[in-house]
Amino acid sequence: MLNYDIKFDEMRNYKSGAICIPDNNDVYDKYAIGFSYNMYNKSDANKVALSGCREMKKKLISYECKCEIIL
């Protein structure tokens, strides 16, 4: 997230982060991420983070991966 100048520790309550994890163990130079913060509850924060990851995946990623909550 630092590549996007996002400081997760400085975000407010009910925050969440998601990343598109490759199906294999290869390393890539681009990853899709999603994040949310200052949400009403943790469930909504997770939904927004996953949605953002999936949208970024459509536009940026050419390999197979699945967006998963990591934070």
Protein backbone atom coordinates (compact mmCIF):
# COMPACT_ATOMS: atom_id res chain seq x y z
CA MET A 1 0.00 0.00 0.00
CA LEU A 2 2.99 2.29 0.42
CA ASN A 3 3.42 2.31 -3.37
CA TYR A 4 0.06 4.12 -3.48
CA ASP A 5 1.03 6.47 -0.59
CA ILE A 6 -1.54 4.84 1.72
CA LYS A 7 -0.57 4.63 5.38
CA PHE A 8 -2.85 1.96 6.81
CA ASP A 9 -1.86 2.71 10.44
CA GLU A 10 -3.11 6.29 10.07
CA MET A 11 -6.59 5.28 8.89
CA ARG A 12 -9.47 5.44 11.37
CA ASN A 13 -11.62 2.69 12.91
CA TYR A 14 -13.11 -0.23 11.00
CA LYS A 15 -10.50 -0.43 8.32
CA SER A 16 -9.73 -3.32 6.01
CA GLY A 17 -7.33 -4.26 3.24
CA ALA A 18 -7.46 -6.82 0.45
CA ILE A 19 -4.94 -7.99 -2.15
CA CYS A 20 -5.22 -10.20 -5.20
CA ILE A 21 -3.16 -13.27 -4.33
CA PRO A 22 -1.76 -15.20 -7.34
CA ASP A 23 -2.83 -18.82 -7.78
CA ASN A 24 0.82 -19.87 -7.99
CA ASN A 25 3.97 -18.81 -6.14
CA ASP A 26 5.25 -16.46 -8.85
CA VAL A 27 6.21 -12.88 -8.02
CA TYR A 28 4.67 -10.07 -10.06
CA ASP A 29 5.47 -6.38 -10.40
CA LYS A 30 1.79 -5.33 -10.12
CA TYR A 31 -0.84 -6.40 -7.63
CA ALA A 32 -4.46 -5.36 -7.24
CA ILE A 33 -5.33 -3.98 -3.82
CA GLY A 34 -8.43 -2.63 -2.15
CA PHE A 35 -8.83 -0.80 1.13
CA SER A 36 -11.42 0.93 3.25
CA TYR A 37 -11.43 2.94 6.45
CA ASN A 38 -13.71 4.83 8.79
CA MET A 39 -16.58 2.47 7.99
CA TYR A 40 -19.72 1.79 10.07
CA ASN A 41 -18.65 -1.77 10.90
CA LYS A 42 -15.94 -4.32 10.06
CA SER A 43 -18.19 -6.30 7.70
CA ASP A 44 -18.82 -3.23 5.53
CA ALA A 45 -15.11 -2.39 5.61
CA ASN A 46 -14.28 -5.86 4.28
CA LYS A 47 -16.90 -5.61 1.51
CA VAL A 48 -15.55 -2.27 0.31
CA ALA A 49 -11.93 -3.49 0.37
CA LEU A 50 -12.82 -6.63 -1.62
CA SER A 51 -14.85 -4.62 -4.11
CA GLY A 52 -11.96 -2.21 -4.68
CA CYS A 53 -9.54 -5.10 -5.18
CA ARG A 54 -11.83 -6.77 -7.72
CA GLU A 55 -12.27 -3.54 -9.69
CA MET A 56 -8.51 -2.90 -9.75
CA LYS A 57 -7.96 -6.53 -10.81
CA LYS A 58 -10.21 -6.04 -13.86
CA LYS A 59 -8.16 -3.05 -15.00
CA LEU A 60 -4.61 -4.01 -14.03
CA ILE A 61 -4.02 -7.74 -13.63
CA SER A 62 -3.41 -10.25 -16.43
CA TYR A 63 -2.75 -13.32 -14.23
CA GLU A 64 -5.17 -15.50 -12.28
CA CYS A 65 -5.64 -14.43 -8.69
CA LYS A 66 -8.27 -14.15 -5.96
CA CYS A 67 -8.91 -11.06 -3.87
CA GLU A 68 -8.67 -11.89 -0.17
CA ILE A 69 -8.81 -9.86 3.04
CA ILE A 70 -5.36 -9.54 4.57
CA LEU A 71 -5.97 -6.79 7.18
